[in-house]
């Protein structure tokens, strides 16, 4: 057991990894890895600090900032920053723990971390956001650097916030360096970075479809249900549509939109514009003319999983634990064949058990009942391109869109191949006709890479 029973999100992430390791032949074949688990489960460092700023009324406000520097055996700490009222140590430890193995799956030299501020930026002016970012970075800048810790954006930390945070770091440290990723193209950013997580999710899922059908099928003609309407969901939807799929839904915390005949790229662009102005999906659908004559329906208070009829592919792209056991059962009953997480820990453990149980009932490798891919593998395209942004910063160059996109696709398909191979190598499943478990494949591959680095460097002895 983890030593943190009162941190439910972290405990869930920890238990998933532990179950994958124990439900395999890894410890039997390589018992030295047993010693790694209790060490890798404890962050190398947790930084908690006070952030104070002046709001637009001239009043002082205060919030708690965090950075969980979890593991640096594979490279500098790497992981996002989020500004959200739900930020706490359990959430950040879960995200940081996931990030260790996710980053290892990229094949790049990246450690794992996560951080943020317990603060809601919605409705705040640009001037106030600037003051918050400068106050936050005043403390965080003591602990980060291009060879130490390279944060990125996350929930409610987008291009505007990254710009202010980078400017603050540059002033406080008198140093221009690739200390943040997700930067503007004009000052060190990478092409494809905004699209990377969504595009990468589609590339990983496309590899699943091709493997399962021996190359006979693709996204063309597939009915795809997507949750969320932020960056990941937007670009996943656009890429799926580009590849010939029908995207049936998007959602936010207030409700979902469902379109039986499919959401169009133009409607996704309208949602993109509306979300940038902090509008809800209900407001966007009600106000944007592109929806006036369409078949898009808004369903208040709903997640999309049980409202879309027959589904081939499910892509959770909103937040953690957004697919319940009951919703997973509904998706399976409605024909879903592929589930891949664009969000971190998007499915509850009950939902994962249902998806994995359906996978094991498969009669042949050419017709999977359900094949589920966890977020640490399927959504690591964002951090992969962040790693490519770091490489471009180090050499003071900027690659073309085509180069970055090709590298992203190669990283995602290589990750898929590695997950399959590792799952097969350490499988203890009796049903040899079933497709390999991508949950085990992702957890085992990431763990082995981090464990080898820790053993080599004497972190575990």
Protein backbone atom coordinates (compact mmCIF):
# COMPACT_ATOMS: atom_id res chain seq x y z
CA UNK A 1 0.00 0.00 0.00
CA UNK A 2 1.01 3.61 -0.51
CA UNK A 3 1.79 5.53 2.65
CA UNK A 4 -0.75 8.24 1.69
CA UNK A 5 -4.25 6.77 2.32
CA UNK A 6 -5.86 10.21 2.61
CA UNK A 7 -4.88 11.29 -0.89
CA UNK A 8 -7.53 9.49 -2.99
CA UNK A 9 -6.43 10.60 -6.47
CA UNK A 10 -2.81 9.70 -5.79
CA UNK A 11 -3.85 6.41 -4.19
CA UNK A 12 -5.87 5.52 -7.29
CA UNK A 13 -2.96 6.24 -9.64
CA UNK A 14 -0.54 4.34 -7.40
CA UNK A 15 -2.86 1.33 -7.15
CA UNK A 16 -3.28 1.15 -10.93
CA UNK A 17 0.48 0.93 -11.43
CA UNK A 18 0.93 -1.57 -8.58
CA UNK A 19 -1.83 -3.82 -9.91
CA UNK A 20 -0.28 -3.84 -13.39
CA UNK A 21 3.13 -4.77 -11.99
CA UNK A 22 1.81 -7.50 -9.70
CA UNK A 23 -0.55 -8.92 -12.31
CA UNK A 24 2.35 -9.72 -14.64
CA UNK A 25 5.50 -11.83 -14.62
CA UNK A 26 7.82 -8.82 -14.20
CA UNK A 27 8.75 -9.36 -10.54
CA UNK A 28 9.05 -13.09 -11.15
CA UNK A 29 11.46 -12.60 -14.06
CA UNK A 30 13.29 -9.58 -12.59
CA UNK A 31 12.87 -9.52 -8.78
CA UNK A 32 15.27 -6.57 -8.41
CA UNK A 33 12.47 -4.28 -9.63
CA UNK A 34 10.49 -4.91 -6.44
CA UNK A 35 12.84 -2.58 -4.57
CA UNK A 36 12.09 0.29 -6.94
CA UNK A 37 8.35 0.60 -6.28
CA UNK A 38 8.44 2.07 -2.75
CA UNK A 39 11.17 4.53 -3.78
CA UNK A 40 9.63 5.77 -7.03
CA UNK A 41 6.30 6.31 -5.21
CA UNK A 42 7.72 9.08 -3.02
CA UNK A 43 8.39 12.49 -4.63
CA UNK A 44 11.98 13.66 -4.60
CA UNK A 45 10.75 17.06 -3.50
CA UNK A 46 7.47 18.86 -2.76
CA UNK A 47 7.52 22.66 -2.80
CA UNK A 48 4.56 24.54 -1.31
CA UNK A 49 4.50 28.32 -1.15
CA UNK A 50 2.37 31.39 -0.55
CA UNK A 51 1.37 33.53 -3.53
CA UNK A 52 0.01 37.04 -2.93
CA UNK A 53 -1.10 39.64 -5.44
CA UNK A 54 -3.27 42.74 -5.78
CA UNK A 55 -6.59 42.37 -7.56
CA UNK A 56 -8.17 45.06 -9.75
CA UNK A 57 -9.93 46.57 -6.72
CA UNK A 58 -6.62 47.20 -5.01
CA UNK A 59 -7.19 44.38 -2.52
CA UNK A 60 -4.63 41.78 -1.56
CA UNK A 61 -5.40 38.15 -2.40
CA UNK A 62 -3.54 35.02 -1.40
CA UNK A 63 -3.46 31.41 -2.61
CA UNK A 64 -1.27 28.34 -2.22
CA UNK A 65 1.18 27.39 -4.95
CA UNK A 66 2.78 23.99 -5.44
CA UNK A 67 5.41 22.12 -7.41
CA UNK A 68 5.74 18.36 -6.93
CA UNK A 69 9.14 17.38 -8.35
CA UNK A 70 8.56 13.64 -8.44
CA UNK A 71 11.44 12.01 -10.32
CA UNK A 72 14.48 13.23 -12.25
CA UNK A 73 16.23 9.92 -13.04
CA UNK A 74 15.33 10.16 -16.74
CA UNK A 75 15.93 13.90 -17.17
CA UNK A 76 14.86 17.34 -15.92
CA UNK A 77 11.51 17.42 -14.12
CA UNK A 78 8.76 17.95 -16.71
CA UNK A 79 5.05 18.50 -16.25
CA UNK A 80 2.32 21.10 -16.38
CA UNK A 81 1.08 23.91 -14.17
CA UNK A 82 -2.64 24.39 -13.61
CA UNK A 83 -4.58 27.30 -12.14
CA UNK A 84 -7.76 25.81 -10.69
CA UNK A 85 -9.64 25.83 -7.38
CA UNK A 86 -9.33 22.01 -7.16
CA UNK A 87 -5.51 22.12 -7.02
CA UNK A 88 -4.27 20.22 -3.99
CA UNK A 89 -1.42 17.85 -3.14
CA UNK A 90 -3.39 14.67 -3.83
CA UNK A 91 -4.29 15.80 -7.35
CA UNK A 92 -0.78 17.07 -8.07
CA UNK A 93 0.86 13.94 -6.70
CA UNK A 94 -1.39 11.75 -8.84
CA UNK A 95 -0.59 13.84 -11.91
CA UNK A 96 3.13 13.93 -11.12
CA UNK A 97 3.25 10.16 -10.53
CA UNK A 98 1.52 9.56 -13.87
CA UNK A 99 3.88 12.05 -15.51
CA UNK A 100 6.98 10.05 -14.52
CA UNK A 101 5.90 7.05 -16.58
CA UNK A 102 4.17 9.04 -19.31
CA UNK A 103 7.35 10.98 -19.97
CA UNK A 104 9.40 7.78 -19.98
CA UNK A 105 7.07 6.40 -22.66
CA UNK A 106 8.05 9.23 -25.03
CA UNK A 107 11.59 7.85 -25.27
CA UNK A 108 12.91 11.36 -24.52
CA UNK A 109 15.10 12.46 -21.61
CA UNK A 110 12.38 13.76 -19.30
CA UNK A 111 11.63 13.39 -15.60
CA UNK A 112 8.21 13.83 -14.02
CA UNK A 113 6.60 16.71 -12.09
CA UNK A 114 3.37 18.67 -11.72
CA UNK A 115 2.39 21.96 -10.11
CA UNK A 116 -0.11 24.75 -9.92
CA UNK A 117 -2.00 27.36 -7.96
CA UNK A 118 -5.27 26.90 -6.04
CA UNK A 119 -6.94 29.80 -7.87
CA UNK A 120 -9.72 30.27 -10.44
CA UNK A 121 -8.71 32.64 -13.27
CA UNK A 122 -12.19 32.76 -14.82
CA UNK A 123 -13.48 36.30 -15.10
CA UNK A 124 -10.16 37.89 -14.17
CA UNK A 125 -8.70 40.69 -16.29
CA UNK A 126 -5.46 40.40 -18.25
CA UNK A 127 -3.82 42.78 -15.78
CA UNK A 128 -4.84 40.64 -12.82
CA UNK A 129 -3.68 37.43 -14.52
CA UNK A 130 -0.33 39.11 -15.19
CA UNK A 131 0.04 40.02 -11.51
CA UNK A 132 -0.89 36.47 -10.45
CA UNK A 133 1.65 34.97 -12.87
CA UNK A 134 4.44 37.29 -11.72
CA UNK A 135 3.66 36.56 -8.06
CA UNK A 136 3.57 32.80 -8.70
CA UNK A 137 6.83 32.81 -10.68
CA UNK A 138 8.59 34.96 -8.08
CA UNK A 139 8.52 31.89 -5.82
CA UNK A 140 8.66 29.11 -8.42
CA UNK A 141 11.69 30.59 -10.22
CA UNK A 142 13.92 29.54 -7.31
CA UNK A 143 13.35 25.88 -8.13
CA UNK A 144 13.21 25.56 -11.93
CA UNK A 145 15.53 25.96 -14.93
CA UNK A 146 16.15 24.43 -18.35
CA UNK A 147 18.34 21.67 -16.88
CA UNK A 148 16.41 21.34 -13.61
CA UNK A 149 12.64 21.58 -14.12
CA UNK A 150 10.76 22.69 -17.25
CA UNK A 151 7.04 23.30 -16.57
CA UNK A 152 4.35 23.63 -19.22
CA UNK A 153 0.75 24.76 -19.30
CA UNK A 154 -2.16 22.67 -18.10
CA UNK A 155 -5.79 23.39 -17.14
CA UNK A 156 -6.43 27.16 -17.39
CA UNK A 157 -2.75 27.90 -18.04
CA UNK A 158 -2.61 28.62 -21.76
CA UNK A 159 -0.59 30.83 -24.09
CA UNK A 160 -1.36 34.05 -22.23
CA UNK A 161 -0.31 32.63 -18.87
CA UNK A 162 2.82 30.96 -20.27
CA UNK A 163 3.83 34.33 -21.75
CA UNK A 164 3.48 36.14 -18.44
CA UNK A 165 5.22 33.32 -16.54
CA UNK A 166 8.13 33.28 -18.99
CA UNK A 167 8.48 37.07 -18.84
CA UNK A 168 8.51 36.92 -15.06
CA UNK A 169 11.18 34.21 -15.01
CA UNK A 170 13.33 36.18 -17.47
CA UNK A 171 13.16 39.27 -15.26
CA UNK A 172 13.72 37.48 -11.94
CA UNK A 173 16.60 35.33 -13.18
CA UNK A 174 18.06 37.63 -15.87
CA UNK A 175 18.16 34.62 -18.18
CA UNK A 176 16.50 33.75 -21.49
CA UNK A 177 16.28 29.97 -21.56
CA UNK A 178 13.88 27.20 -22.50
CA UNK A 179 12.46 27.04 -18.98
CA UNK A 180 8.82 26.70 -20.06
CA UNK A 181 7.19 24.90 -22.98
CA UNK A 182 4.07 25.92 -24.84
CA UNK A 183 5.67 29.27 -25.65
CA UNK A 184 4.67 31.56 -28.52
CA UNK A 185 6.31 30.79 -31.86
CA UNK A 186 7.84 34.27 -31.82
CA UNK A 187 9.98 33.51 -28.77
CA UNK A 188 10.95 29.88 -28.67
CA UNK A 189 7.74 27.91 -29.11
CA UNK A 190 7.18 24.91 -31.35
CA UNK A 191 4.76 24.38 -34.18
CA UNK A 192 2.13 21.68 -33.49
CA UNK A 193 2.43 22.17 -29.70
CA UNK A 194 -1.19 23.38 -29.24
CA UNK A 195 -2.46 20.47 -31.32
CA UNK A 196 -0.05 17.86 -29.96
CA UNK A 197 -2.09 16.11 -27.25
CA UNK A 198 -5.22 15.83 -29.38
CA UNK A 199 -3.35 14.83 -32.55
CA UNK A 200 -1.21 12.36 -30.59
CA UNK A 201 -4.32 10.76 -29.09
CA UNK A 202 -5.68 10.15 -32.58
CA UNK A 203 -2.35 8.77 -33.84
CA UNK A 204 -2.22 6.32 -30.92
CA UNK A 205 -5.84 5.25 -31.43
CA UNK A 206 -5.23 4.90 -35.17
CA UNK A 207 -2.38 2.49 -34.37
CA UNK A 208 -4.77 0.50 -32.14
CA UNK A 209 -7.34 0.23 -34.93
CA UNK A 210 -4.78 -0.84 -37.54
CA UNK A 211 -3.21 -3.43 -35.24
CA UNK A 212 -6.54 -4.90 -34.15
CA UNK A 213 -7.85 -5.19 -37.71
CA UNK A 214 -4.55 -6.16 -39.33
CA UNK A 215 -4.57 -2.92 -41.31
CA UNK A 216 -8.05 -3.42 -42.74
CA UNK A 217 -9.69 -0.48 -40.94
CA UNK A 218 -8.88 3.11 -40.01
CA UNK A 219 -10.78 6.07 -38.53
CA UNK A 220 -12.75 6.34 -41.77
CA UNK A 221 -16.42 5.70 -41.09
CA UNK A 222 -16.01 5.36 -37.32
CA UNK A 223 -18.49 6.95 -34.91
CA UNK A 224 -16.47 8.75 -32.24
CA UNK A 225 -17.70 10.13 -28.91
CA UNK A 226 -15.47 12.83 -27.41
CA UNK A 227 -15.81 14.49 -23.99
CA UNK A 228 -14.40 17.87 -23.09
CA UNK A 229 -14.20 20.95 -25.28
CA UNK A 230 -10.78 22.33 -24.39
CA UNK A 231 -7.54 22.09 -26.30
CA UNK A 232 -7.25 18.27 -26.27
CA UNK A 233 -10.87 17.61 -27.27
CA UNK A 234 -10.85 20.29 -29.98
CA UNK A 235 -7.80 18.98 -31.83
CA UNK A 236 -8.70 15.33 -31.32
CA UNK A 237 -12.09 16.06 -32.89
CA UNK A 238 -10.58 17.99 -35.79
CA UNK A 239 -8.01 15.28 -36.58
CA UNK A 240 -10.62 12.50 -36.31
CA UNK A 241 -12.90 14.40 -38.72
CA UNK A 242 -9.95 14.91 -41.07
CA UNK A 243 -9.39 11.13 -41.08
CA UNK A 244 -13.01 10.44 -42.03
CA UNK A 245 -14.67 9.84 -38.66
CA UNK A 246 -18.02 11.19 -37.46
CA UNK A 247 -17.53 13.04 -34.16
CA UNK A 248 -20.74 12.79 -32.19
CA UNK A 249 -20.14 14.96 -29.12
CA UNK A 250 -18.19 17.46 -27.05
CA UNK A 251 -18.85 18.57 -23.46
CA UNK A 252 -17.94 20.88 -20.61
CA UNK A 253 -18.56 20.90 -16.86
CA UNK A 254 -22.15 22.16 -17.41
CA UNK A 255 -23.36 19.75 -20.08
CA UNK A 256 -22.78 18.12 -23.46
CA UNK A 257 -23.57 18.70 -27.11
CA UNK A 258 -24.57 15.73 -29.24
CA UNK A 259 -24.85 15.63 -33.03
CA UNK A 260 -26.11 12.37 -34.49
CA UNK A 261 -24.89 13.36 -37.97
CA UNK A 262 -21.57 14.67 -36.70
CA UNK A 263 -20.02 17.92 -35.53
CA UNK A 264 -18.37 19.93 -38.32
CA UNK A 265 -14.89 21.51 -38.26
CA UNK A 266 -16.52 24.95 -38.48
CA UNK A 267 -18.51 24.21 -35.33
CA UNK A 268 -15.33 23.11 -33.54
CA UNK A 269 -13.70 26.42 -34.55
CA UNK A 270 -16.70 28.30 -33.13
CA UNK A 271 -16.34 26.37 -29.88
CA UNK A 272 -12.63 27.15 -29.86
CA UNK A 273 -13.35 30.86 -30.18
CA UNK A 274 -16.07 30.77 -27.54
CA UNK A 275 -14.01 28.81 -25.03
CA UNK A 276 -11.18 31.34 -25.40
CA UNK A 277 -13.69 33.94 -24.18
CA UNK A 278 -14.66 31.69 -21.21
CA UNK A 279 -18.09 30.92 -22.66
CA UNK A 280 -19.91 27.68 -21.83
CA UNK A 281 -21.00 25.26 -24.53
CA UNK A 282 -24.60 26.23 -23.85
CA UNK A 283 -23.77 29.89 -24.52
CA UNK A 284 -21.74 29.05 -27.64
CA UNK A 285 -24.45 26.84 -29.15
CA UNK A 286 -27.07 29.48 -28.36
CA UNK A 287 -25.11 32.41 -29.76
CA UNK A 288 -22.97 31.17 -32.69
CA UNK A 289 -24.79 31.27 -36.03
CA UNK A 290 -23.03 28.09 -37.19
CA UNK A 291 -25.30 26.11 -34.83
CA UNK A 292 -28.59 27.79 -35.77
CA UNK A 293 -29.60 25.34 -38.51
CA UNK A 294 -27.70 22.29 -37.30
CA UNK A 295 -28.77 19.08 -35.60
CA UNK A 296 -26.56 19.74 -32.58
CA UNK A 297 -28.47 19.28 -29.30
CA UNK A 298 -27.32 20.64 -25.96
CA UNK A 299 -28.02 18.44 -22.92
CA UNK A 300 -27.63 20.24 -19.61
CA UNK A 301 -25.88 18.47 -16.74
CA UNK A 302 -24.86 15.49 -18.89
CA UNK A 303 -21.72 13.69 -19.96
CA UNK A 304 -21.99 12.37 -23.52
CA UNK A 305 -21.37 8.63 -23.01
CA UNK A 306 -24.99 7.50 -22.68
CA UNK A 307 -26.51 9.94 -25.20
CA UNK A 308 -24.92 8.98 -28.52
CA UNK A 309 -26.27 5.60 -29.58
CA UNK A 310 -23.87 3.25 -31.39
CA UNK A 311 -20.21 4.13 -30.81
CA UNK A 312 -17.00 2.73 -32.30
CA UNK A 313 -14.43 4.89 -30.48
CA UNK A 314 -14.64 6.69 -27.11
CA UNK A 315 -12.16 9.44 -26.29
CA UNK A 316 -12.43 10.91 -22.76
CA UNK A 317 -10.71 14.32 -23.03
CA UNK A 318 -12.04 16.31 -20.06
CA UNK A 319 -10.75 15.41 -16.60
CA UNK A 320 -10.04 12.52 -14.22
CA UNK A 321 -12.66 9.86 -13.43
CA UNK A 322 -15.08 11.09 -16.09
CA UNK A 323 -16.17 7.61 -17.20
CA UNK A 324 -17.98 5.67 -14.47
CA UNK A 325 -18.57 1.95 -14.30
CA UNK A 326 -22.19 2.36 -15.39
CA UNK A 327 -21.14 4.56 -18.33
CA UNK A 328 -18.48 2.02 -19.33
CA UNK A 329 -21.12 -0.73 -19.35
CA UNK A 330 -23.33 1.46 -21.55
CA UNK A 331 -20.48 2.09 -24.00
CA UNK A 332 -19.69 -1.64 -24.20
CA UNK A 333 -23.37 -2.43 -24.77
CA UNK A 334 -23.46 0.16 -27.57
CA UNK A 335 -20.62 -1.44 -29.48
CA UNK A 336 -17.54 0.56 -28.50
CA UNK A 337 -14.36 -1.16 -29.69
CA UNK A 338 -11.67 1.37 -28.76
CA UNK A 339 -11.34 3.59 -25.69
CA UNK A 340 -8.33 5.90 -25.43
CA UNK A 341 -7.88 8.59 -22.80
CA UNK A 342 -7.02 12.14 -23.77
CA UNK A 343 -7.49 13.12 -20.12
CA UNK A 344 -5.34 11.86 -17.25
CA UNK A 345 -6.92 8.90 -15.44
CA UNK A 346 -10.14 9.60 -17.33
CA UNK A 347 -11.80 6.31 -16.36
CA UNK A 348 -12.60 5.13 -12.87
CA UNK A 349 -11.06 1.83 -11.78
CA UNK A 350 -14.49 0.23 -12.11
CA UNK A 351 -14.70 1.43 -15.72
CA UNK A 352 -11.21 0.13 -16.49
CA UNK A 353 -12.13 -3.26 -15.03
CA UNK A 354 -15.18 -3.38 -17.32
CA UNK A 355 -13.16 -2.45 -20.42
CA UNK A 356 -10.41 -4.94 -19.54
CA UNK A 357 -12.98 -7.66 -18.82
CA UNK A 358 -14.56 -7.09 -22.23
CA UNK A 359 -11.11 -7.28 -23.85
CA UNK A 360 -10.47 -10.68 -22.29
CA UNK A 361 -13.75 -12.04 -23.65
CA UNK A 362 -12.51 -11.47 -27.19
CA UNK A 363 -12.49 -14.59 -29.34
CA UNK A 364 -9.86 -13.47 -31.81
CA UNK A 365 -7.27 -10.76 -32.23
CA UNK A 366 -9.01 -9.47 -35.38
CA UNK A 367 -12.28 -8.57 -33.68
CA UNK A 368 -11.69 -6.99 -30.28
CA UNK A 369 -14.65 -6.58 -27.96
CA UNK A 370 -13.03 -3.52 -26.35
CA UNK A 371 -9.45 -2.27 -26.34
CA UNK A 372 -8.63 0.35 -23.72
CA UNK A 373 -5.57 2.66 -23.68
CA UNK A 374 -4.71 4.64 -20.52
CA UNK A 375 -3.90 8.34 -20.62
CA UNK A 376 -0.24 7.94 -19.72
CA UNK A 377 0.28 6.38 -23.16
CA UNK A 378 -2.52 7.74 -25.31
CA UNK A 379 -2.27 11.42 -24.30
CA UNK A 380 1.49 11.83 -24.01
CA UNK A 381 1.72 13.65 -27.35
CA UNK A 382 1.67 17.00 -25.58
CA UNK A 383 4.71 16.30 -23.44
CA UNK A 384 6.40 14.63 -26.42
CA UNK A 385 6.21 17.86 -28.42
CA UNK A 386 7.22 19.79 -25.30
CA UNK A 387 10.36 17.65 -25.35
CA UNK A 388 10.83 18.52 -29.01
CA UNK A 389 10.38 22.21 -28.12
CA UNK A 390 13.15 21.83 -25.53
CA UNK A 391 15.41 20.32 -28.22
CA UNK A 392 14.68 23.21 -30.56
CA UNK A 393 15.41 25.73 -27.77
CA UNK A 394 18.71 24.05 -26.98
CA UNK A 395 19.89 24.43 -30.58
CA UNK A 396 18.16 27.81 -31.17
CA UNK A 397 16.24 26.56 -34.21
CA UNK A 398 12.60 26.10 -35.16
CA UNK A 399 11.47 23.01 -37.05
CA UNK A 400 8.76 23.01 -39.71
CA UNK A 401 5.20 21.95 -38.97
CA UNK A 402 5.73 18.84 -41.11
CA UNK A 403 8.87 17.85 -39.21
CA UNK A 404 7.25 18.21 -35.79
CA UNK A 405 4.08 16.40 -36.86
CA UNK A 406 6.10 13.52 -38.34
CA UNK A 407 8.14 13.23 -35.13
CA UNK A 408 4.96 13.29 -33.04
CA UNK A 409 3.37 10.50 -35.08
CA UNK A 410 6.57 8.44 -34.88
CA UNK A 411 6.74 8.87 -31.09
CA UNK A 412 3.07 7.88 -30.64
CA UNK A 413 3.25 4.80 -32.88
CA UNK A 414 6.56 3.71 -31.32
CA UNK A 415 4.98 4.07 -27.87
CA UNK A 416 2.07 1.89 -29.00
CA UNK A 417 4.43 -0.75 -30.37
CA UNK A 418 6.45 -0.70 -27.13
CA UNK A 419 3.30 -1.08 -25.00
CA UNK A 420 2.17 -4.08 -27.06
CA UNK A 421 5.58 -5.76 -26.97
CA UNK A 422 6.04 -5.30 -23.21
CA UNK A 423 2.53 -6.48 -22.41
CA UNK A 424 3.16 -9.61 -24.44
CA UNK A 425 6.58 -10.23 -22.87
CA UNK A 426 5.30 -10.11 -19.30
CA UNK A 427 1.75 -11.40 -19.83
CA UNK A 428 0.31 -13.99 -17.49
CA UNK A 429 -3.11 -14.08 -19.15
CA UNK A 430 -4.55 -17.44 -20.12
CA UNK A 431 -6.59 -16.10 -23.06
CA UNK A 432 -3.90 -15.90 -25.72
CA UNK A 433 -6.50 -14.87 -28.34
CA UNK A 434 -7.16 -11.58 -26.54
CA UNK A 435 -5.33 -8.46 -27.57
CA UNK A 436 -2.55 -7.47 -25.14
CA UNK A 437 -3.45 -5.19 -22.23
CA UNK A 438 -2.35 -1.65 -23.04
CA UNK A 439 -2.83 -0.74 -19.37
CA UNK A 440 -0.19 -3.24 -18.35
CA UNK A 441 1.91 -2.45 -21.40
CA UNK A 442 2.03 1.27 -20.62
CA UNK A 443 2.62 0.86 -16.89
CA UNK A 444 5.29 -1.81 -17.32
CA UNK A 445 7.16 -0.02 -20.12
CA UNK A 446 7.26 3.29 -18.24
CA UNK A 447 8.16 1.64 -14.94
CA UNK A 448 10.99 -0.44 -16.40
CA UNK A 449 12.59 2.58 -18.07
CA UNK A 450 12.46 4.67 -14.90
CA UNK A 451 13.52 1.74 -12.71
CA UNK A 452 16.56 1.02 -14.87
CA UNK A 453 17.67 4.67 -14.61
CA UNK A 454 17.18 4.70 -10.83
CA UNK A 455 19.10 1.45 -10.40
CA UNK A 456 21.93 2.65 -12.65
CA UNK A 457 22.25 5.93 -10.72
CA UNK A 458 22.06 4.42 -7.23
CA UNK A 459 18.66 5.84 -6.30
CA UNK A 460 17.72 2.25 -5.46
CA UNK A 461 20.31 -0.09 -3.95
